Amino acid sequence: MRSVIITIAKNREKNKMEKIKIDSGAAFLYPMPMVLVGSVVEGKANFMAVGWVSRVNFKPPLFGIALGPHHTNKGIDENREFSINIPNISLIEQTDYCGLVSGNKTDKSEIFNVFFGDLANAPLIQECPVCISLSLFDTVKLPVNTFYIGEPREVFSEEKYMTDKTLDIKKVNPFTLTMPDNHYWSIGDNLGKAWSIGKSRKKKE
């Protein structure tokens, strides 16, 4: 019994040593979806590039975006509406530009063809394959960032981005972001169906 305990302890130490600690500043998700968040600020549509975005609730469906102190925030705070637009790789230059310049100094209202749904203060981008208008559900103030939680009111796309009445990621052709190296990546191959691949292992239990 003692030899078994010693062997387990050695294996644990060996496995532990195979891992290395890295800078906590590298604690990001790999990858992150790249989107354009829109708001109306001082009467003009404004867009910023955002990688810190995720769906955060099932029912009602809610989406969260984490923003630093940006010009875009003014419109969300004032109007309690915003948009999330998913660009494809053909829009990578425009998207990156929206992350380089502030709407406080640069008018970004004419970079894209802008349209509106039912929400007058959630500007949507015609060129983006997927556009979501959201009403503000809640705001969480963090030490540096503000976490905005929005409830989608309308979702827009086009038939050319769909297969069997469902959005097709290959047709949407989005791109992703990695940090802290700050690189964009295209979507890779389909690896299989989620919540299905593991069934073969489950049968063995």
Protein backbone atom coordinates (compact mmCIF):
# COMPACT_ATOMS: atom_id res chain seq x y z
CA MET A 1 0.00 0.00 0.00
CA ARG A 2 2.84 2.35 0.86
CA SER A 3 4.47 1.81 -2.55
CA VAL A 4 1.18 2.65 -4.28
CA ILE A 5 0.89 5.92 -2.32
CA ILE A 6 4.49 6.83 -3.18
CA THR A 7 3.86 6.10 -6.88
CA ILE A 8 0.71 8.27 -6.90
CA ALA A 9 2.59 11.10 -5.19
CA LYS A 10 5.43 10.88 -7.72
CA ASN A 11 2.97 10.90 -10.63
CA ARG A 12 1.21 13.94 -9.22
CA GLU A 13 4.50 15.78 -8.86
CA LYS A 14 5.55 14.77 -12.37
CA ASN A 15 2.28 15.99 -13.89
CA LYS A 16 2.51 19.20 -11.91
CA MET A 17 6.03 19.85 -13.17
CA GLU A 18 4.89 19.50 -16.80
CA LYS A 19 2.83 22.66 -16.35
CA ILE A 20 4.49 26.06 -16.11
CA LYS A 21 3.08 29.24 -14.64
CA ILE A 22 2.77 32.13 -17.04
CA ASP A 23 1.99 35.81 -16.54
CA SER A 24 -1.55 36.30 -15.25
CA GLY A 25 -1.84 39.04 -17.87
CA ALA A 26 -2.13 36.21 -20.39
CA ALA A 27 -5.38 35.01 -18.82
CA PHE A 28 -7.57 35.38 -21.89
CA LEU A 29 -9.95 33.02 -23.67
CA TYR A 30 -8.58 31.56 -26.88
CA PRO A 31 -9.92 32.78 -29.22
CA MET A 32 -12.45 35.58 -28.70
CA PRO A 33 -15.14 36.60 -31.21
CA MET A 34 -14.50 39.93 -32.89
CA VAL A 35 -17.51 42.24 -33.17
CA LEU A 36 -18.42 45.87 -33.77
CA VAL A 37 -20.45 47.45 -30.99
CA GLY A 38 -22.61 50.36 -32.04
CA SER A 39 -24.28 53.19 -30.16
CA VAL A 40 -25.63 56.63 -30.97
CA VAL A 41 -23.53 59.35 -29.36
CA GLU A 42 -24.50 62.99 -29.69
CA GLY A 43 -26.81 62.15 -32.56
CA LYS A 44 -24.28 60.13 -34.58
CA ALA A 45 -23.79 56.43 -35.08
CA ASN A 46 -20.52 55.27 -33.55
CA PHE A 47 -18.81 51.88 -33.70
CA MET A 48 -15.93 50.31 -31.81
CA ALA A 49 -14.11 46.99 -32.22
CA VAL A 50 -14.72 44.64 -29.29
CA GLY A 51 -13.36 41.20 -28.47
CA TRP A 52 -14.68 40.87 -24.92
CA VAL A 53 -18.20 39.72 -25.75
CA SER A 54 -20.27 36.64 -24.95
CA ARG A 55 -23.77 35.33 -24.52
CA VAL A 56 -24.27 35.18 -20.76
CA ASN A 57 -27.80 33.88 -20.17
CA PHE A 58 -30.24 31.37 -21.67
CA LYS A 59 -33.71 32.76 -20.94
CA PRO A 60 -34.04 35.57 -21.55
CA PRO A 61 -31.13 35.53 -24.00
CA LEU A 62 -28.59 38.06 -22.77
CA PHE A 63 -25.26 39.22 -24.16
CA GLY A 64 -22.44 40.86 -22.22
CA ILE A 65 -19.73 43.22 -23.46
CA ALA A 66 -16.88 44.57 -21.37
CA LEU A 67 -15.82 48.07 -22.35
CA GLY A 68 -13.14 50.35 -20.99
CA PRO A 69 -13.85 54.10 -20.73
CA HIS A 70 -14.79 54.75 -24.36
CA HIS A 71 -16.84 57.24 -26.37
CA THR A 72 -19.27 54.43 -27.22
CA ASN A 73 -20.22 54.08 -23.55
CA LYS A 74 -21.81 57.53 -23.55
CA GLY A 75 -24.45 56.42 -26.01
CA ILE A 76 -25.21 53.18 -24.17
CA ASP A 77 -25.47 54.95 -20.81
CA GLU A 78 -27.70 57.70 -22.17
CA ASN A 79 -29.96 55.76 -24.53
CA ARG A 80 -29.88 52.29 -22.93
CA GLU A 81 -29.59 50.72 -26.37
CA PHE A 82 -26.70 49.35 -28.43
CA SER A 83 -25.87 46.91 -31.19
CA ILE A 84 -23.55 43.97 -31.75
CA ASN A 85 -22.52 43.47 -35.38
CA ILE A 86 -20.51 40.45 -36.56
CA PRO A 87 -18.13 41.38 -39.39
CA ASN A 88 -16.68 38.90 -41.86
CA ILE A 89 -13.04 38.85 -42.89
CA SER A 90 -13.69 41.25 -45.77
CA LEU A 91 -14.30 43.93 -43.12
CA ILE A 92 -11.14 43.30 -41.12
CA GLU A 93 -9.51 46.62 -42.07
CA GLN A 94 -12.58 48.70 -41.22
CA THR A 95 -13.08 46.77 -37.99
CA ASP A 96 -9.49 47.27 -36.88
CA TYR A 97 -9.72 50.98 -37.74
CA CYS A 98 -12.75 51.28 -35.45
CA GLY A 99 -10.54 49.96 -32.66
CA LEU A 100 -7.73 52.41 -33.39
CA VAL A 101 -9.60 55.72 -33.39
CA SER A 102 -12.00 57.19 -30.86
CA GLY A 103 -15.40 58.53 -31.83
CA ASN A 104 -14.58 61.45 -29.57
CA LYS A 105 -12.17 62.71 -32.24
CA THR A 106 -13.15 60.81 -35.39
CA ASP A 107 -16.58 60.57 -37.03
CA LYS A 108 -17.14 56.87 -37.70
CA SER A 109 -20.76 57.22 -38.80
CA GLU A 110 -19.97 56.92 -42.51
CA ILE A 111 -17.51 54.00 -42.49
CA PHE A 112 -20.39 51.59 -43.04
CA ASN A 113 -23.88 51.70 -44.47
CA VAL A 114 -25.95 52.15 -41.32
CA PHE A 115 -29.54 51.09 -40.80
CA PHE A 116 -31.88 50.88 -37.83
CA GLY A 117 -34.52 48.42 -36.71
CA ASP A 118 -37.10 49.18 -34.04
CA LEU A 119 -34.46 50.60 -31.68
CA ALA A 120 -33.61 54.15 -32.75
CA ASN A 121 -30.31 54.20 -30.85
CA ALA A 122 -28.88 50.82 -31.85
CA PRO A 123 -27.11 51.46 -35.20
CA LEU A 124 -26.69 48.36 -37.36
CA ILE A 125 -24.17 47.71 -40.13
CA GLN A 126 -25.53 46.65 -43.51
CA GLU A 127 -22.24 45.02 -44.55
CA CYS A 128 -22.07 42.73 -41.50
CA PRO A 129 -23.53 39.23 -41.95
CA VAL A 130 -25.20 39.30 -38.51
CA CYS A 131 -26.56 42.36 -36.71
CA ILE A 132 -28.20 42.37 -33.28
CA SER A 133 -30.00 45.30 -31.67
CA LEU A 134 -30.16 45.18 -27.88
CA SER A 135 -31.80 47.06 -25.06
CA LEU A 136 -29.71 47.52 -21.92
CA PHE A 137 -30.63 44.95 -19.29
CA ASP A 138 -28.06 45.79 -16.62
CA THR A 139 -24.74 47.53 -16.07
CA VAL A 140 -21.97 46.29 -13.80
CA LYS A 141 -19.19 48.71 -12.89
CA LEU A 142 -15.85 46.91 -12.56
CA PRO A 143 -12.53 48.40 -11.36
CA VAL A 144 -11.58 49.52 -14.90
CA ASN A 145 -14.20 48.24 -17.32
CA THR A 146 -17.96 48.48 -17.48
CA PHE A 147 -19.85 45.28 -18.19
CA TYR A 148 -22.95 46.02 -20.24
CA ILE A 149 -25.59 43.30 -20.42
CA GLY A 150 -28.06 43.60 -23.26
CA GLU A 151 -31.21 41.77 -24.28
CA PRO A 152 -31.56 41.25 -28.04
CA ARG A 153 -34.65 42.79 -29.60
CA GLU A 154 -34.00 42.04 -33.25
CA VAL A 155 -31.51 39.92 -35.18
CA PHE A 156 -30.81 40.58 -38.86
CA SER A 157 -29.01 38.50 -41.46
CA GLU A 158 -29.41 37.43 -45.10
CA GLU A 159 -30.34 34.20 -46.85
CA LYS A 160 -26.84 33.90 -48.32
CA TYR A 161 -25.41 33.42 -44.81
CA MET A 162 -27.78 30.59 -43.92
CA THR A 163 -28.04 26.84 -44.48
CA ASP A 164 -31.32 25.05 -43.69
CA LYS A 165 -32.68 28.26 -42.12
CA THR A 166 -29.77 28.41 -39.66
CA LEU A 167 -26.77 30.72 -39.69
CA ASP A 168 -23.79 28.96 -41.26
CA ILE A 169 -20.46 29.94 -39.70
CA LYS A 170 -18.58 29.17 -42.92
CA LYS A 171 -20.82 31.50 -44.88
CA VAL A 172 -20.75 34.19 -42.20
CA ASN A 173 -16.94 33.85 -42.24
CA PRO A 174 -16.21 35.78 -39.02
CA PHE A 175 -12.78 36.28 -37.54
CA THR A 176 -11.50 36.01 -34.00
CA LEU A 177 -9.00 37.74 -31.73
CA THR A 178 -6.25 36.46 -29.48
CA MET A 179 -4.67 38.48 -26.69
CA PRO A 180 -2.16 39.51 -25.43
CA ASP A 181 -0.46 38.92 -28.82
CA ASN A 182 -3.25 40.92 -30.54
CA HIS A 183 -3.74 38.84 -33.69
CA TYR A 184 -6.80 38.08 -35.80
CA TRP A 185 -7.62 34.53 -36.91
CA SER A 186 -10.02 33.03 -39.42
CA ILE A 187 -12.33 30.11 -38.64
CA GLY A 188 -10.91 26.61 -39.13
CA ASP A 189 -12.45 23.24 -39.94
CA ASN A 190 -15.62 21.71 -38.53
CA LEU A 191 -14.52 19.13 -35.94
CA GLY A 192 -17.91 17.55 -35.32
CA LYS A 193 -21.21 18.06 -33.55
CA ALA A 194 -21.15 19.41 -30.00
CA TRP A 195 -22.81 17.40 -27.22
CA SER A 196 -22.54 14.37 -29.50
CA ILE A 197 -18.87 13.48 -29.95
CA GLY A 198 -18.59 12.43 -26.30
CA LYS A 199 -21.49 9.98 -26.49
CA SER A 200 -19.21 7.13 -27.56
CA ARG A 201 -17.18 7.58 -24.37
CA LYS A 202 -20.33 7.81 -22.29
CA LYS A 203 -21.47 4.40 -23.56
CA LYS A 204 -18.30 2.83 -22.17
CA GLU A 205 -19.10 3.90 -18.61
